[in-house]
Amino acid sequence: MPTLDDDTRRKSRRGFAAMDPERRREIARQGGSSVPSEKRSFAQNRDLAANAGRKGGSISRGGGRKPTVA
């Protein structure tokens, strides 16, 4: 049975890894510019973002520490 050497086990480059570095920089420069500023509610309202984070953290299944009873 033939064995796989390093050349045949290499993964093909996909997505950003396969792109030209200049193209990657171009995409990274765009940042979040496709979203209009009025729709960036968390950037506009810090309290809204904090409350959403708390809500998500309390609902998550594995979430936070539980007090230990000694």
PDB file of N, CA and C in Angstrom:
ATOM      1  N   MET A   1       0.837  -1.173   0.000  1.00  0.00           N
ATOM      2  CA  MET A   1       0.000   0.000   0.000  1.00  0.00           C
ATOM      3  C   MET A   1       0.886   1.241   0.000  1.00  0.00           C
ATOM      4  N   PRO A   2       0.619   2.207  -0.864  1.00  0.00           N
ATOM      5  CA  PRO A   2       1.472   3.394  -0.936  1.00  0.00           C
ATOM      6  C   PRO A   2       1.280   4.297   0.284  1.00  0.00           C
ATOM      7  N   THR A   3       2.367   4.937   0.695  1.00  0.00           N
ATOM      8  CA  THR A   3       2.286   5.867   1.825  1.00  0.00           C
ATOM      9  C   THR A   3       2.209   7.294   1.297  1.00  0.00           C
ATOM     10  N   LEU A   4       1.607   8.139   2.083  1.00  0.00           N
ATOM     11  CA  LEU A   4       1.491   9.541   1.692  1.00  0.00           C
ATOM     12  C   LEU A   4       2.713  10.297   2.194  1.00  0.00           C
ATOM     13  N   ASP A   5       3.402  10.927   1.291  1.00  0.00           N
ATOM     14  CA  ASP A   5       4.527  11.740   1.731  1.00  0.00           C
ATOM     15  C   ASP A   5       4.072  13.191   1.887  1.00  0.00           C
ATOM     16  N   ASP A   6       4.969  14.052   2.279  1.00  0.00           N
ATOM     17  CA  ASP A   6       4.612  15.450   2.558  1.00  0.00           C
ATOM     18  C   ASP A   6       4.030  16.164   1.342  1.00  0.00           C
ATOM     19  N   ASP A   7       4.506  15.844   0.156  1.00  0.00           N
ATOM     20  CA  ASP A   7       4.022  16.537  -1.041  1.00  0.00           C
ATOM     21  C   ASP A   7       2.554  16.245  -1.325  1.00  0.00           C
ATOM     22  N   THR A   8       2.115  15.031  -1.097  1.00  0.00           N
ATOM     23  CA  THR A   8       0.728  14.688  -1.416  1.00  0.00           C
ATOM     24  C   THR A   8      -0.230  15.073  -0.300  1.00  0.00           C
ATOM     25  N   ARG A   9       0.298  15.326   0.898  1.00  0.00           N
ATOM     26  CA  ARG A   9      -0.565  15.687   2.018  1.00  0.00           C
ATOM     27  C   ARG A   9      -0.795  17.189   2.124  1.00  0.00           C
ATOM     28  N   ARG A  10      -0.112  17.982   1.379  1.00  0.00           N
ATOM     29  CA  ARG A  10      -0.268  19.433   1.469  1.00  0.00           C
ATOM     30  C   ARG A  10      -1.686  19.832   1.128  1.00  0.00           C
ATOM     31  N   LYS A  11      -2.199  20.775   1.895  1.00  0.00           N
ATOM     32  CA  LYS A  11      -3.546  21.257   1.635  1.00  0.00           C
ATOM     33  C   LYS A  11      -3.511  22.292   0.529  1.00  0.00           C
ATOM     34  N   SER A  12      -4.561  22.313  -0.254  1.00  0.00           N
ATOM     35  CA  SER A  12      -4.630  23.335  -1.282  1.00  0.00           C
ATOM     36  C   SER A  12      -4.976  24.666  -0.632  1.00  0.00           C
ATOM     37  N   ARG A  13      -4.459  25.721  -1.195  1.00  0.00           N
ATOM     38  CA  ARG A  13      -4.717  27.047  -0.640  1.00  0.00           C
ATOM     39  C   ARG A  13      -6.090  27.510  -1.092  1.00  0.00           C
ATOM     40  N   ARG A  14      -6.881  27.950  -0.143  1.00  0.00           N
ATOM     41  CA  ARG A  14      -8.236  28.408  -0.439  1.00  0.00           C
ATOM     42  C   ARG A  14      -8.441  29.802   0.114  1.00  0.00           C
ATOM     43  N   GLY A  15      -9.469  30.456  -0.345  1.00  0.00           N
ATOM     44  CA  GLY A  15      -9.867  31.742   0.202  1.00  0.00           C
ATOM     45  C   GLY A  15      -8.757  32.770   0.179  1.00  0.00           C
ATOM     46  N   PHE A  16      -8.556  33.436   1.335  1.00  0.00           N
ATOM     47  CA  PHE A  16      -7.554  34.479   1.417  1.00  0.00           C
ATOM     48  C   PHE A  16      -6.146  33.944   1.203  1.00  0.00           C
ATOM     49  N   ALA A  17      -5.893  32.714   1.581  1.00  0.00           N
ATOM     50  CA  ALA A  17      -4.548  32.150   1.427  1.00  0.00           C
ATOM     51  C   ALA A  17      -4.160  32.053  -0.041  1.00  0.00           C
ATOM     52  N   ALA A  18      -5.134  31.865  -0.907  1.00  0.00           N
ATOM     53  CA  ALA A  18      -4.843  31.719  -2.327  1.00  0.00           C
ATOM     54  C   ALA A  18      -4.757  33.063  -3.042  1.00  0.00           C
ATOM     55  N   MET A  19      -5.173  34.126  -2.385  1.00  0.00           N
ATOM     56  CA  MET A  19      -5.205  35.444  -3.026  1.00  0.00           C
ATOM     57  C   MET A  19      -3.837  36.094  -3.078  1.00  0.00           C
ATOM     58  N   ASP A  20      -3.720  36.972  -4.008  1.00  0.00           N
ATOM     59  CA  ASP A  20      -2.549  37.819  -4.138  1.00  0.00           C
ATOM     60  C   ASP A  20      -2.489  38.728  -2.902  1.00  0.00           C
ATOM     61  N   PRO A  21      -1.328  38.922  -2.290  1.00  0.00           N
ATOM     62  CA  PRO A  21      -1.242  39.754  -1.084  1.00  0.00           C
ATOM     63  C   PRO A  21      -1.812  41.160  -1.274  1.00  0.00           C
ATOM     64  N   GLU A  22      -1.641  41.722  -2.447  1.00  0.00           N
ATOM     65  CA  GLU A  22      -2.182  43.059  -2.706  1.00  0.00           C
ATOM     66  C   GLU A  22      -3.713  43.045  -2.673  1.00  0.00           C
ATOM     67  N   ARG A  23      -4.309  42.003  -3.184  1.00  0.00           N
ATOM     68  CA  ARG A  23      -5.775  41.871  -3.164  1.00  0.00           C
ATOM     69  C   ARG A  23      -6.276  41.732  -1.716  1.00  0.00           C
ATOM     70  N   ARG A  24      -5.545  40.976  -0.902  1.00  0.00           N
ATOM     71  CA  ARG A  24      -5.914  40.835   0.514  1.00  0.00           C
ATOM     72  C   ARG A  24      -5.882  42.181   1.217  1.00  0.00           C
ATOM     73  N   ARG A  25      -4.840  42.970   0.952  1.00  0.00           N
ATOM     74  CA  ARG A  25      -4.736  44.292   1.562  1.00  0.00           C
ATOM     75  C   ARG A  25      -5.888  45.188   1.117  1.00  0.00           C
ATOM     76  N   GLU A  26      -6.252  45.084  -0.143  1.00  0.00           N
ATOM     77  CA  GLU A  26      -7.359  45.887  -0.673  1.00  0.00           C
ATOM     78  C   GLU A  26      -8.665  45.568   0.064  1.00  0.00           C
ATOM     79  N   ILE A  27      -8.921  44.295   0.277  1.00  0.00           N
ATOM     80  CA  ILE A  27     -10.142  43.876   0.985  1.00  0.00           C
ATOM     81  C   ILE A  27     -10.083  44.322   2.442  1.00  0.00           C
ATOM     82  N   ALA A  28      -8.930  44.161   3.084  1.00  0.00           N
ATOM     83  CA  ALA A  28      -8.784  44.538   4.490  1.00  0.00           C
ATOM     84  C   ALA A  28      -8.966  46.037   4.690  1.00  0.00           C
ATOM     85  N   ARG A  29      -8.531  46.829   3.734  1.00  0.00           N
ATOM     86  CA  ARG A  29      -8.680  48.282   3.833  1.00  0.00           C
ATOM     87  C   ARG A  29     -10.140  48.704   3.875  1.00  0.00           C
ATOM     88  N   GLN A  30     -11.006  47.933   3.241  1.00  0.00           N
ATOM     89  CA  GLN A  30     -12.420  48.292   3.195  1.00  0.00           C
ATOM     90  C   GLN A  30     -13.074  48.173   4.565  1.00  0.00           C
ATOM     91  N   GLY A  31     -12.537  47.316   5.417  1.00  0.00           N
ATOM     92  CA  GLY A  31     -12.969  47.263   6.807  1.00  0.00           C
ATOM     93  C   GLY A  31     -14.419  46.937   7.017  1.00  0.00           C
ATOM     94  N   GLY A  32     -15.265  47.846   7.261  1.00  0.00           N
ATOM     95  CA  GLY A  32     -16.694  47.621   7.414  1.00  0.00           C
ATOM     96  C   GLY A  32     -17.422  48.694   6.644  1.00  0.00           C
ATOM     97  N   SER A  33     -16.777  49.220   5.644  1.00  0.00           N
ATOM     98  CA  SER A  33     -17.307  50.383   4.948  1.00  0.00           C
ATOM     99  C   SER A  33     -18.604  50.108   4.193  1.00  0.00           C
ATOM    100  N   SER A  34     -18.945  48.859   3.981  1.00  0.00           N
ATOM    101  CA  SER A  34     -20.174  48.578   3.255  1.00  0.00           C
ATOM    102  C   SER A  34     -21.407  48.815   4.122  1.00  0.00           C
ATOM    103  N   VAL A  35     -21.214  48.895   5.434  1.00  0.00           N
ATOM    104  CA  VAL A  35     -22.329  49.130   6.351  1.00  0.00           C
ATOM    105  C   VAL A  35     -22.423  50.629   6.618  1.00  0.00           C
ATOM    106  N   PRO A  36     -23.574  51.241   6.332  1.00  0.00           N
ATOM    107  CA  PRO A  36     -23.705  52.673   6.596  1.00  0.00           C
ATOM    108  C   PRO A  36     -23.611  52.978   8.092  1.00  0.00           C
ATOM    109  N   SER A  37     -23.089  54.123   8.445  1.00  0.00           N
ATOM    110  CA  SER A  37     -22.855  54.446   9.851  1.00  0.00           C
ATOM    111  C   SER A  37     -24.136  54.448  10.665  1.00  0.00           C
ATOM    112  N   GLU A  38     -25.269  54.798  10.089  1.00  0.00           N
ATOM    113  CA  GLU A  38     -26.521  54.801  10.858  1.00  0.00           C
ATOM    114  C   GLU A  38     -26.987  53.393  11.217  1.00  0.00           C
ATOM    115  N   LYS A  39     -26.453  52.389  10.544  1.00  0.00           N
ATOM    116  CA  LYS A  39     -26.830  51.006  10.857  1.00  0.00           C
ATOM    117  C   LYS A  39     -25.856  50.357  11.827  1.00  0.00           C
ATOM    118  N   ARG A  40     -24.811  51.053  12.188  1.00  0.00           N
ATOM    119  CA  ARG A  40     -23.841  50.519  13.149  1.00  0.00           C
ATOM    120  C   ARG A  40     -24.273  50.923  14.549  1.00  0.00           C
ATOM    121  N   SER A  41     -25.335  50.324  15.023  1.00  0.00           N
ATOM    122  CA  SER A  41     -25.929  50.753  16.280  1.00  0.00           C
ATOM    123  C   SER A  41     -24.995  50.549  17.475  1.00  0.00           C
ATOM    124  N   PHE A  42     -24.195  49.517  17.472  1.00  0.00           N
ATOM    125  CA  PHE A  42     -23.305  49.290  18.606  1.00  0.00           C
ATOM    126  C   PHE A  42     -22.200  50.341  18.643  1.00  0.00           C
ATOM    127  N   ALA A  43     -21.785  50.808  17.491  1.00  0.00           N
ATOM    128  CA  ALA A  43     -20.766  51.855  17.458  1.00  0.00           C
ATOM    129  C   ALA A  43     -21.346  53.179  17.938  1.00  0.00           C
ATOM    130  N   GLN A  44     -22.630  53.378  17.754  1.00  0.00           N
ATOM    131  CA  GLN A  44     -23.285  54.620  18.148  1.00  0.00           C
ATOM    132  C   GLN A  44     -23.664  54.638  19.624  1.00  0.00           C
ATOM    133  N   ASN A  45     -24.024  53.481  20.173  1.00  0.00           N
ATOM    134  CA  ASN A  45     -24.585  53.434  21.514  1.00  0.00           C
ATOM    135  C   ASN A  45     -23.864  52.376  22.346  1.00  0.00           C
ATOM    136  N   ARG A  46     -22.990  52.815  23.199  1.00  0.00           N
ATOM    137  CA  ARG A  46     -22.177  51.898  23.996  1.00  0.00           C
ATOM    138  C   ARG A  46     -23.029  51.055  24.957  1.00  0.00           C
ATOM    139  N   ASP A  47     -24.066  51.663  25.548  1.00  0.00           N
ATOM    140  CA  ASP A  47     -24.931  50.929  26.474  1.00  0.00           C
ATOM    141  C   ASP A  47     -25.681  49.802  25.771  1.00  0.00           C
ATOM    142  N   LEU A  48     -26.110  50.056  24.546  1.00  0.00           N
ATOM    143  CA  LEU A  48     -26.803  49.027  23.768  1.00  0.00           C
ATOM    144  C   LEU A  48     -25.880  47.832  23.532  1.00  0.00           C
ATOM    145  N   ALA A  49     -24.633  48.102  23.208  1.00  0.00           N
ATOM    146  CA  ALA A  49     -23.664  47.032  22.981  1.00  0.00           C
ATOM    147  C   ALA A  49     -23.401  46.253  24.267  1.00  0.00           C
ATOM    148  N   ALA A  50     -23.268  46.964  25.378  1.00  0.00           N
ATOM    149  CA  ALA A  50     -22.997  46.299  26.659  1.00  0.00           C
ATOM    150  C   ALA A  50     -24.161  45.402  27.058  1.00  0.00           C
ATOM    151  N   ASN A  51     -25.374  45.899  26.907  1.00  0.00           N
ATOM    152  CA  ASN A  51     -26.553  45.096  27.248  1.00  0.00           C
ATOM    153  C   ASN A  51     -26.687  43.872  26.355  1.00  0.00           C
ATOM    154  N   ALA A  52     -26.391  44.025  25.083  1.00  0.00           N
ATOM    155  CA  ALA A  52     -26.459  42.880  24.169  1.00  0.00           C
ATOM    156  C   ALA A  52     -25.421  41.830  24.554  1.00  0.00           C
ATOM    157  N   GLY A  53     -24.244  42.255  24.954  1.00  0.00           N
ATOM    158  CA  GLY A  53     -23.203  41.324  25.383  1.00  0.00           C
ATOM    159  C   GLY A  53     -23.610  40.577  26.641  1.00  0.00           C
ATOM    160  N   ARG A  54     -24.215  41.287  27.571  1.00  0.00           N
ATOM    161  CA  ARG A  54     -24.682  40.632  28.800  1.00  0.00           C
ATOM    162  C   ARG A  54     -25.779  39.622  28.498  1.00  0.00           C
ATOM    163  N   LYS A  55     -26.703  40.019  27.643  1.00  0.00           N
ATOM    164  CA  LYS A  55     -27.819  39.138  27.291  1.00  0.00           C
ATOM    165  C   LYS A  55     -27.284  37.868  26.622  1.00  0.00           C
ATOM    166  N   GLY A  56     -26.378  38.023  25.674  1.00  0.00           N
ATOM    167  CA  GLY A  56     -25.807  36.868  24.989  1.00  0.00           C
ATOM    168  C   GLY A  56     -25.036  35.971  25.930  1.00  0.00           C
ATOM    169  N   GLY A  57     -24.312  36.577  26.864  1.00  0.00           N
ATOM    170  CA  GLY A  57     -23.534  35.798  27.815  1.00  0.00           C
ATOM    171  C   GLY A  57     -24.399  35.019  28.775  1.00  0.00           C
ATOM    172  N   SER A  58     -25.534  35.591  29.152  1.00  0.00           N
ATOM    173  CA  SER A  58     -26.396  34.885  30.102  1.00  0.00           C
ATOM    174  C   SER A  58     -27.182  33.763  29.435  1.00  0.00           C
ATOM    175  N   ILE A  59     -27.406  33.878  28.153  1.00  0.00           N
ATOM    176  CA  ILE A  59     -28.194  32.872  27.450  1.00  0.00           C
ATOM    177  C   ILE A  59     -27.321  31.723  26.946  1.00  0.00           C
ATOM    178  N   SER A  60     -26.026  31.969  26.769  1.00  0.00           N
ATOM    179  CA  SER A  60     -25.164  30.933  26.209  1.00  0.00           C
ATOM    180  C   SER A  60     -25.169  29.688  27.090  1.00  0.00           C
ATOM    181  N   ARG A  61     -24.976  28.564  26.482  1.00  0.00           N
ATOM    182  CA  ARG A  61     -25.077  27.291  27.197  1.00  0.00           C
ATOM    183  C   ARG A  61     -23.902  27.036  28.122  1.00  0.00           C
ATOM    184  N   GLY A  62     -22.711  27.315  27.673  1.00  0.00           N
ATOM    185  CA  GLY A  62     -21.555  27.002  28.491  1.00  0.00           C
ATOM    186  C   GLY A  62     -21.176  28.124  29.422  1.00  0.00           C
ATOM    187  N   GLY A  63     -21.744  29.251  29.189  1.00  0.00           N
ATOM    188  CA  GLY A  63     -21.446  30.553  29.709  1.00  0.00           C
ATOM    189  C   GLY A  63     -20.898  30.709  31.091  1.00  0.00           C
ATOM    190  N   GLY A  64     -20.460  31.623  31.596  1.00  0.00           N
ATOM    191  CA  GLY A  64     -19.899  32.093  32.810  1.00  0.00           C
ATOM    192  C   GLY A  64     -19.726  31.106  33.967  1.00  0.00           C
ATOM    193  N   ARG A  65     -19.171  31.622  34.991  1.00  0.00           N
ATOM    194  CA  ARG A  65     -18.926  30.798  36.176  1.00  0.00           C
ATOM    195  C   ARG A  65     -20.161  30.737  37.021  1.00  0.00           C
ATOM    196  N   LYS A  66     -20.342  29.617  37.651  1.00  0.00           N
ATOM    197  CA  LYS A  66     -21.449  29.460  38.585  1.00  0.00           C
ATOM    198  C   LYS A  66     -20.854  29.510  39.983  1.00  0.00           C
ATOM    199  N   PRO A  67     -21.528  30.167  40.909  1.00  0.00           N
ATOM    200  CA  PRO A  67     -20.969  30.241  42.260  1.00  0.00           C
ATOM    201  C   PRO A  67     -20.849  28.854  42.878  1.00  0.00           C
ATOM    202  N   THR A  68     -19.769  28.620  43.569  1.00  0.00           N
ATOM    203  CA  THR A  68     -19.568  27.343  44.214  1.00  0.00           C
ATOM    204  C   THR A  68     -20.112  27.413  45.641  1.00  0.00           C
ATOM    205  N   VAL A  69     -20.731  26.335  46.056  1.00  0.00           N
ATOM    206  CA  VAL A  69     -21.254  26.271  47.411  1.00  0.00           C
ATOM    207  C   VAL A  69     -20.255  25.495  48.252  1.00  0.00           C
ATOM    208  N   ALA A  70     -19.751  26.154  49.279  1.00  0.00           N
ATOM    209  CA  ALA A  70     -18.724  25.492  50.081  1.00  0.00           C
ATOM    210  C   ALA A  70     -19.280  24.987  51.387  1.00  0.00           C
TER     211      ALA A  70
END
